Amino acid sequence: MTHNTPLSPRPLSHLSEAPQRRVMSLRELREHGVSAAAVSERCRPGGPWQLLLPGVCLLHAGPPTSDERLHAVLLYAGADSPRVPAQHVPSPSPSPLSAVRSGASAATGPAVVVPVPATGHCAPAAPAEEAMITGLAALTLHGFTGAPSLRALDRIDVLVPRGRRLRSTGCVHVVRAQQLPEPVEVTGLPVAPATRALADAVAQMTDAGVVRRLLVEAVRGGHCEATAVVRELTQARLLGRPHVVDAVDTLLAEGRALAEGLLYDMVFRHRLPEPCWNVDLRLPGGTHLGGVDAYWPEQAVAVELDTRVPRQGEDARWCEYARKREALEGLGITVVHVTPAKLRVSLEQQAAIVRTALMTAVEREPAEYVTVLPR
């Protein structure tokens, strides 16, 4: 016996009911006592198995399901699914590998040897965070209705560290990143967060309509905030593409409209006094102070939605935002800043903050008189 001799056979009946176990890497097969020669025999043309990707076997002859393709992509990328410890329990029914271990041939006829990839393609085990599904496949897993079904995708994007020696092949499209985000577990698979998956999908698109629909759905469907999407697109250097810029403008308008709706809900659901909505504030002499989303003149309390995004060339807007806040507070006006994320996650808490500002108005020095005009 040499060091290349497979280990003693292990019963796999406890794995047979798990769909992902119908896809196994060559390394896993070897650990379960299946030699490279046996794999080649089973994977020959017309055989019961298939070499789905380099180093990854499909343990049946039919077309792979969407789940099997996803697991195969992750196995190829090195993010092996957790292996179930071998259980030495007799099985009443044979597992998919029993015929191989017993030495029985799956079919008659001469064997055609399928080359077993070298170690360069048979990726070593890697932590799950070193490979994750991204792009359109990830958006589908996140529940985006505008993304195609998994079955309709010719390629599945997988996100790996930039230093990994891995190439795109078959249904796998390798996407590299200097630093990987924390994956989200969806149906037991490591999946890139919605913002990152969206950026990776948009990077491969030229259809402005599709890009716009996906970006809008990201916010409208509650998958992520508009600011987070723009930040990710900026980091991916996609805002230089005209069709992406146009889609981002639509995204920001959608994000603001949703945030305004949440602000209305906050006021009416928590029975706050009705404010003046969307107004401009001016000094009696006509000096424009700026616009606010809600204003209570008697209490001199203003609420402003903070929907700023880190876009190139918007330094002037940020400075204007800071000057407006300083000017209003200098006149004795209390400015409450809320973000879309805070309204979505903690609406009751934001309502309590506004209510406190209204109730404590009598304890503050009277504010300067300002003119309130529709914006």
Protein backbone atom coordinates (compact mmCIF):
# COMPACT_ATOMS: atom_id res chain seq x y z
CA MET A 1 0.00 0.00 0.00
CA THR A 2 1.33 3.42 -0.93
CA HIS A 3 0.43 6.87 0.33
CA ASN A 4 -1.81 7.23 -2.75
CA THR A 5 -3.97 4.27 -1.82
CA PRO A 6 -7.48 5.42 -0.89
CA LEU A 7 -8.52 5.25 2.72
CA SER A 8 -10.76 2.48 3.93
CA PRO A 9 -14.27 2.81 2.52
CA ARG A 10 -16.69 4.79 4.65
CA PRO A 11 -20.45 4.26 4.43
CA LEU A 12 -22.14 7.24 2.77
CA SER A 13 -25.76 6.29 3.25
CA HIS A 14 -26.13 9.07 5.82
CA LEU A 15 -25.30 11.55 3.05
CA SER A 16 -27.50 10.17 0.31
CA GLU A 17 -30.59 12.17 1.24
CA ALA A 18 -28.78 15.55 1.24
CA PRO A 19 -29.03 17.07 -2.26
CA GLN A 20 -25.63 18.78 -2.02
CA ARG A 21 -23.95 15.39 -1.50
CA ARG A 22 -24.81 14.52 -5.11
CA VAL A 23 -21.98 16.94 -5.92
CA MET A 24 -18.57 16.10 -4.47
CA SER A 25 -15.01 17.18 -5.06
CA LEU A 26 -12.34 14.67 -6.05
CA ARG A 27 -10.72 15.25 -2.69
CA GLU A 28 -13.93 14.38 -0.86
CA LEU A 29 -14.39 11.27 -2.98
CA ARG A 30 -10.87 10.14 -2.17
CA GLU A 31 -11.52 10.70 1.53
CA HIS A 32 -14.49 8.36 1.18
CA GLY A 33 -12.37 5.66 -0.39
CA VAL A 34 -13.01 6.30 -4.10
CA SER A 35 -9.84 6.16 -6.21
CA ALA A 36 -9.07 8.43 -9.17
CA ALA A 37 -9.35 5.42 -11.47
CA ALA A 38 -12.82 4.62 -10.16
CA VAL A 39 -13.89 8.23 -10.69
CA SER A 40 -12.59 8.14 -14.27
CA GLU A 41 -14.50 4.92 -14.88
CA ARG A 42 -17.75 6.36 -13.58
CA CYS A 43 -17.33 9.69 -15.43
CA ARG A 44 -16.69 8.24 -18.88
CA PRO A 45 -19.14 9.21 -21.67
CA GLY A 46 -22.43 7.47 -20.98
CA GLY A 47 -21.37 6.65 -17.43
CA PRO A 48 -23.45 7.22 -14.30
CA TRP A 49 -21.45 10.27 -13.14
CA GLN A 50 -20.26 13.52 -14.73
CA LEU A 51 -17.23 15.73 -14.30
CA LEU A 52 -19.28 18.89 -13.84
CA LEU A 53 -16.32 21.22 -13.24
CA PRO A 54 -12.57 20.62 -12.90
CA GLY A 55 -12.20 18.64 -9.70
CA VAL A 56 -15.96 18.43 -9.07
CA CYS A 57 -18.16 15.40 -9.83
CA LEU A 58 -21.91 15.17 -10.25
CA LEU A 59 -23.00 11.81 -8.87
CA HIS A 60 -25.75 11.18 -11.39
CA ALA A 61 -26.12 11.22 -15.17
CA GLY A 62 -28.93 13.76 -15.57
CA PRO A 63 -28.63 17.51 -15.87
CA PRO A 64 -27.64 19.27 -12.63
CA THR A 65 -30.26 21.12 -10.66
CA SER A 66 -29.80 24.77 -9.73
CA ASP A 67 -28.77 23.78 -6.19
CA GLU A 68 -26.23 21.31 -7.54
CA ARG A 69 -24.72 23.96 -9.81
CA LEU A 70 -24.38 26.36 -6.88
CA HIS A 71 -22.70 23.72 -4.72
CA ALA A 72 -20.43 22.73 -7.60
CA VAL A 73 -19.33 26.33 -8.11
CA LEU A 74 -18.49 26.70 -4.43
CA LEU A 75 -16.63 23.40 -4.40
CA TYR A 76 -14.62 24.47 -7.43
CA ALA A 77 -13.83 27.79 -5.75
CA GLY A 78 -12.63 25.97 -2.64
CA ALA A 79 -15.47 26.84 -0.26
CA ASP A 80 -16.33 23.24 0.57
CA SER A 81 -19.62 22.71 2.29
CA PRO A 82 -19.19 21.32 5.81
CA ARG A 83 -18.53 17.62 5.60
CA VAL A 84 -20.66 15.31 7.69
CA PRO A 85 -18.46 13.03 9.82
CA ALA A 86 -18.41 9.45 8.63
CA GLN A 87 -20.76 7.20 10.55
CA HIS A 88 -19.93 3.53 10.61
CA VAL A 89 -23.53 2.39 10.50
CA PRO A 90 -24.63 -0.36 8.10
CA SER A 91 -26.99 0.91 5.40
CA PRO A 92 -30.00 -1.12 4.22
CA SER A 93 -29.72 0.48 0.75
CA PRO A 94 -26.59 1.13 -1.27
CA SER A 95 -25.26 4.67 -1.55
CA PRO A 96 -24.21 6.19 -4.91
CA LEU A 97 -20.65 5.08 -4.22
CA SER A 98 -21.28 1.53 -3.03
CA ALA A 99 -20.80 -0.01 -6.47
CA VAL A 100 -17.51 1.77 -6.87
CA ARG A 101 -16.13 0.64 -3.53
CA SER A 102 -17.26 -2.94 -4.05
CA GLY A 103 -15.44 -3.04 -7.38
CA ALA A 104 -18.58 -3.58 -9.48
CA SER A 105 -18.59 -1.83 -12.82
CA ALA A 106 -21.46 0.56 -13.51
CA ALA A 107 -21.83 -0.59 -17.09
CA THR A 108 -20.24 -2.98 -19.48
CA GLY A 109 -17.79 -1.93 -22.19
CA PRO A 110 -14.28 -0.56 -22.20
CA ALA A 111 -13.55 2.24 -19.77
CA VAL A 112 -12.69 5.63 -21.16
CA VAL A 113 -10.36 7.44 -18.78
CA VAL A 114 -11.43 10.98 -17.93
CA PRO A 115 -8.36 13.02 -16.99
CA VAL A 116 -8.34 13.94 -13.34
CA PRO A 117 -7.29 17.60 -12.93
CA ALA A 118 -4.02 18.37 -11.25
CA THR A 119 -3.93 19.94 -7.84
CA GLY A 120 -4.01 23.38 -9.42
CA HIS A 121 -7.68 22.81 -10.28
CA CYS A 122 -8.64 20.65 -7.35
CA ALA A 123 -8.85 23.52 -4.88
CA PRO A 124 -7.82 22.78 -1.31
CA ALA A 125 -10.32 23.24 1.43
CA ALA A 126 -10.83 26.90 2.22
CA PRO A 127 -12.88 28.74 4.80
CA ALA A 128 -16.38 29.49 3.58
CA GLU A 129 -15.69 33.24 3.64
CA GLU A 130 -13.02 32.78 0.95
CA ALA A 131 -15.65 32.13 -1.73
CA MET A 132 -19.25 33.21 -2.03
CA ILE A 133 -21.95 33.45 -4.68
CA THR A 134 -22.31 36.97 -6.10
CA GLY A 135 -23.78 38.77 -9.12
CA LEU A 136 -27.16 37.84 -10.57
CA ALA A 137 -27.23 34.42 -8.90
CA ALA A 138 -26.81 36.08 -5.52
CA LEU A 139 -29.54 38.62 -6.28
CA THR A 140 -31.87 35.74 -7.17
CA LEU A 141 -31.05 34.05 -3.86
CA HIS A 142 -31.70 37.36 -2.05
CA GLY A 143 -35.18 37.38 -3.59
CA PHE A 144 -34.84 40.01 -6.33
CA THR A 145 -37.78 39.53 -8.68
CA GLY A 146 -35.95 41.39 -11.44
CA ALA A 147 -33.09 38.88 -11.47
CA PRO A 148 -33.38 35.83 -13.75
CA SER A 149 -34.01 32.39 -12.31
CA LEU A 150 -31.00 30.28 -11.43
CA ARG A 151 -31.89 27.82 -14.17
CA ALA A 152 -31.82 30.62 -16.76
CA LEU A 153 -28.28 31.70 -15.85
CA ASP A 154 -25.55 30.40 -18.12
CA ARG A 155 -22.88 31.51 -15.67
CA ILE A 156 -22.73 31.79 -11.89
CA ASP A 157 -20.50 34.49 -10.42
CA VAL A 158 -18.31 33.48 -7.48
CA LEU A 159 -16.40 36.06 -5.45
CA VAL A 160 -12.90 35.07 -4.31
CA PRO A 161 -9.83 36.89 -2.94
CA ARG A 162 -7.66 38.55 -5.56
CA GLY A 163 -4.70 36.30 -4.77
CA ARG A 164 -6.52 33.02 -5.48
CA ARG A 165 -5.17 31.10 -8.49
CA LEU A 166 -8.49 30.26 -10.07
CA ARG A 167 -9.89 30.78 -13.55
CA SER A 168 -13.36 31.02 -14.99
CA THR A 169 -14.51 27.82 -16.65
CA GLY A 170 -17.78 26.16 -17.60
CA CYS A 171 -20.62 27.77 -15.68
CA VAL A 172 -18.22 29.52 -13.28
CA HIS A 173 -17.32 33.19 -13.66
CA VAL A 174 -14.65 34.19 -11.15
CA VAL A 175 -14.92 37.68 -9.66
CA ARG A 176 -11.99 38.89 -7.58
CA ALA A 177 -11.83 41.34 -4.70
CA GLN A 178 -9.00 42.74 -2.65
CA GLN A 179 -11.08 42.33 0.49
CA LEU A 180 -14.14 40.11 0.69
CA PRO A 181 -17.30 41.22 2.52
CA GLU A 182 -18.87 39.17 5.26
CA PRO A 183 -21.08 36.61 3.48
CA VAL A 184 -24.77 36.19 4.18
CA GLU A 185 -26.10 32.66 4.56
CA VAL A 186 -28.97 32.01 2.17
CA THR A 187 -30.39 28.48 1.95
CA GLY A 188 -27.22 27.30 3.66
CA LEU A 189 -24.88 28.87 1.07
CA PRO A 190 -22.41 31.73 1.51
CA VAL A 191 -23.79 34.63 -0.54
CA ALA A 192 -22.40 38.13 -1.02
CA PRO A 193 -24.43 40.93 0.61
CA ALA A 194 -27.03 42.50 -1.66
CA THR A 195 -25.00 45.68 -2.22
CA ARG A 196 -21.89 43.79 -3.32
CA ALA A 197 -23.86 41.32 -5.44
CA LEU A 198 -25.62 44.26 -7.10
CA ALA A 199 -22.32 45.96 -7.96
CA ASP A 200 -20.88 42.74 -9.39
CA ALA A 201 -24.01 42.24 -11.51
CA VAL A 202 -24.11 45.84 -12.75
CA ALA A 203 -20.42 45.68 -13.68
CA GLN A 204 -21.30 43.18 -16.42
CA MET A 205 -24.40 44.95 -17.74
CA THR A 206 -24.90 47.42 -20.56
CA ASP A 207 -28.71 47.55 -20.59
CA ALA A 208 -29.69 50.78 -18.80
CA GLY A 209 -33.26 49.57 -18.24
CA VAL A 210 -32.19 46.39 -16.47
CA VAL A 211 -29.67 48.28 -14.33
CA ARG A 212 -32.32 50.81 -13.34
CA ARG A 213 -34.86 48.13 -12.42
CA LEU A 214 -32.39 46.24 -10.24
CA LEU A 215 -31.19 49.36 -8.43
CA VAL A 216 -34.73 50.55 -7.76
CA GLU A 217 -35.80 47.11 -6.55
CA ALA A 218 -32.84 47.03 -4.16
CA VAL A 219 -34.32 50.01 -2.30
CA ARG A 220 -38.03 49.47 -2.90
CA GLY A 221 -37.77 45.83 -1.85
CA GLY A 222 -35.96 46.73 1.38
CA HIS A 223 -32.81 44.83 0.44
CA CYS A 224 -30.49 47.79 1.10
CA GLU A 225 -30.34 51.56 1.44
CA ALA A 226 -29.70 53.84 -1.52
CA THR A 227 -26.60 55.29 0.14
CA ALA A 228 -25.11 51.82 0.63
CA VAL A 229 -25.72 50.96 -3.03
CA VAL A 230 -24.08 54.17 -4.26
CA ARG A 231 -21.13 53.61 -1.93
CA GLU A 232 -20.59 50.11 -3.35
CA LEU A 233 -20.93 51.32 -6.94
CA THR A 234 -18.41 54.06 -6.20
CA GLN A 235 -15.90 51.60 -4.77
CA ALA A 236 -16.37 49.44 -7.87
CA ARG A 237 -15.67 52.52 -10.05
CA LEU A 238 -18.93 52.12 -11.94
CA LEU A 239 -20.20 55.69 -11.66
CA GLY A 240 -18.19 56.70 -14.71
CA ARG A 241 -20.59 54.76 -16.93
CA PRO A 242 -23.45 56.95 -18.23
CA HIS A 243 -26.14 54.27 -18.00
CA VAL A 244 -25.16 53.57 -14.37
CA VAL A 245 -25.22 57.29 -13.48
CA ASP A 246 -28.72 57.62 -14.92
CA ALA A 247 -29.88 54.59 -12.97
CA VAL A 248 -28.36 55.99 -9.76
CA ASP A 249 -30.33 59.22 -10.18
CA THR A 250 -33.52 57.16 -10.39
CA LEU A 251 -32.38 55.11 -7.39
CA LEU A 252 -31.83 58.20 -5.24
CA ALA A 253 -35.22 59.63 -6.18
CA GLU A 254 -36.85 56.31 -5.26
CA GLY A 255 -34.93 56.17 -1.99
CA ARG A 256 -36.00 59.68 -1.03
CA ALA A 257 -39.65 59.01 -1.88
CA LEU A 258 -39.65 55.91 0.32
CA ALA A 259 -37.98 57.81 3.15
CA GLU A 260 -40.58 60.59 2.93
CA GLY A 261 -43.30 57.96 3.13
CA LEU A 262 -41.74 56.56 6.31
CA LEU A 263 -41.53 60.08 7.75
CA TYR A 264 -45.27 60.57 7.16
CA ASP A 265 -45.93 57.20 8.81
CA MET A 266 -43.84 58.23 11.81
CA VAL A 267 -45.85 61.41 12.37
CA PHE A 268 -49.32 59.92 11.92
CA ARG A 269 -48.76 56.47 13.42
CA HIS A 270 -47.23 57.91 16.58
CA ARG A 271 -49.69 60.80 16.79
CA LEU A 272 -47.24 63.65 16.58
CA PRO A 273 -48.62 67.13 15.84
CA GLU A 274 -48.91 67.66 12.11
CA PRO A 275 -46.04 69.80 10.82
CA CYS A 276 -45.61 71.98 7.76
CA TRP A 277 -44.36 69.54 5.15
CA ASN A 278 -41.51 70.23 2.70
CA VAL A 279 -40.98 73.93 3.35
CA ASP A 280 -38.32 76.58 2.80
CA LEU A 281 -37.27 78.73 5.74
CA ARG A 282 -36.32 82.37 5.22
CA LEU A 283 -35.45 85.32 7.39
CA PRO A 284 -37.96 88.21 7.29
CA GLY A 285 -35.56 90.15 5.08
CA GLY A 286 -35.69 87.42 2.46
CA THR A 287 -32.43 85.58 3.20
CA HIS A 288 -32.90 81.92 2.29
CA LEU A 289 -31.95 79.54 5.10
CA GLY A 290 -32.72 76.26 3.37
CA GLY A 291 -35.40 73.65 3.01
CA VAL A 292 -36.52 71.08 5.58
CA ASP A 293 -38.80 68.07 5.28
CA ALA A 294 -41.01 68.89 8.28
CA TYR A 295 -41.28 72.00 10.49
CA TRP A 296 -43.23 72.81 13.63
CA PRO A 297 -43.29 76.64 13.79
CA GLU A 298 -44.59 76.94 17.34
CA GLN A 299 -41.84 74.74 18.76
CA ALA A 300 -39.17 75.78 16.20
CA VAL A 301 -38.34 72.13 15.50
CA ALA A 302 -37.30 70.95 12.05
CA VAL A 303 -36.80 67.42 10.73
CA GLU A 304 -34.50 66.83 7.82
CA LEU A 305 -33.98 63.59 5.95
CA ASP A 306 -30.29 62.87 5.55
CA THR A 307 -30.17 61.23 2.14
CA ARG A 308 -26.68 62.35 1.21
CA VAL A 309 -24.54 59.87 -0.69
CA PRO A 310 -20.75 59.77 -1.16
CA ARG A 311 -20.66 60.71 -4.84
CA GLN A 312 -17.73 62.28 -6.59
CA GLY A 313 -18.01 66.05 -6.97
CA GLU A 314 -20.58 66.50 -4.16
CA ASP A 315 -18.25 68.19 -1.66
CA ALA A 316 -20.06 71.48 -2.29
CA ARG A 317 -23.39 69.88 -1.38
CA TRP A 318 -21.95 68.55 1.85
CA CYS A 319 -20.63 72.00 2.76
CA GLU A 320 -24.01 73.56 2.01
CA TYR A 321 -25.69 70.96 4.21
CA ALA A 322 -23.38 71.79 7.12
CA ARG A 323 -23.84 75.56 6.66
CA LYS A 324 -27.64 75.22 6.66
CA ARG A 325 -27.62 73.22 9.86
CA GLU A 326 -25.31 75.69 11.56
CA ALA A 327 -27.45 78.65 10.44
CA LEU A 328 -30.72 77.13 11.67
CA GLU A 329 -29.32 76.09 15.03
CA GLY A 330 -27.79 79.56 15.41
CA LEU A 331 -31.30 80.99 15.17
CA GLY A 332 -32.52 78.69 17.94
CA ILE A 333 -34.20 76.15 15.64
CA THR A 334 -33.78 72.54 16.76
CA VAL A 335 -32.85 70.36 13.78
CA VAL A 336 -33.48 66.62 14.03
CA HIS A 337 -31.64 64.62 11.39
CA VAL A 338 -32.97 61.21 10.46
CA THR A 339 -31.71 58.73 7.88
CA PRO A 340 -33.83 56.35 5.79
CA ALA A 341 -32.17 53.43 7.58
CA LYS A 342 -33.16 54.73 11.02
CA LEU A 343 -36.74 55.29 9.90
CA ARG A 344 -36.93 51.79 8.49
CA VAL A 345 -35.34 50.02 11.46
CA SER A 346 -36.40 52.11 14.47
CA LEU A 347 -39.41 54.23 13.54
CA GLU A 348 -40.72 54.32 17.12
CA GLN A 349 -37.37 55.49 18.47
CA GLN A 350 -37.15 58.30 15.90
CA ALA A 351 -40.69 59.38 16.80
CA ALA A 352 -39.68 59.52 20.48
CA ILE A 353 -36.72 61.76 19.60
CA VAL A 354 -38.95 64.19 17.69
CA ARG A 355 -41.57 64.15 20.45
CA THR A 356 -38.91 64.97 23.04
CA ALA A 357 -37.68 67.90 20.94
CA LEU A 358 -41.26 69.22 20.68
CA MET A 359 -42.01 68.82 24.39
CA THR A 360 -38.80 70.49 25.57
CA ALA A 361 -39.27 73.52 23.31
CA VAL A 362 -40.67 75.52 26.27
CA GLU A 363 -37.40 75.01 28.14
CA ARG A 364 -35.30 76.60 25.38
CA GLU A 365 -34.79 80.25 24.51
CA PRO A 366 -37.33 81.45 21.94
CA ALA A 367 -36.10 81.04 18.39
CA GLU A 368 -35.76 83.86 15.90
CA TYR A 369 -38.78 84.51 13.71
CA VAL A 370 -38.57 82.87 10.30
CA THR A 371 -40.87 82.85 7.29
CA VAL A 372 -42.20 79.46 6.23
CA LEU A 373 -42.87 78.98 2.52
CA PRO A 374 -43.82 75.93 0.43
CA ARG A 375 -40.78 74.29 -1.15
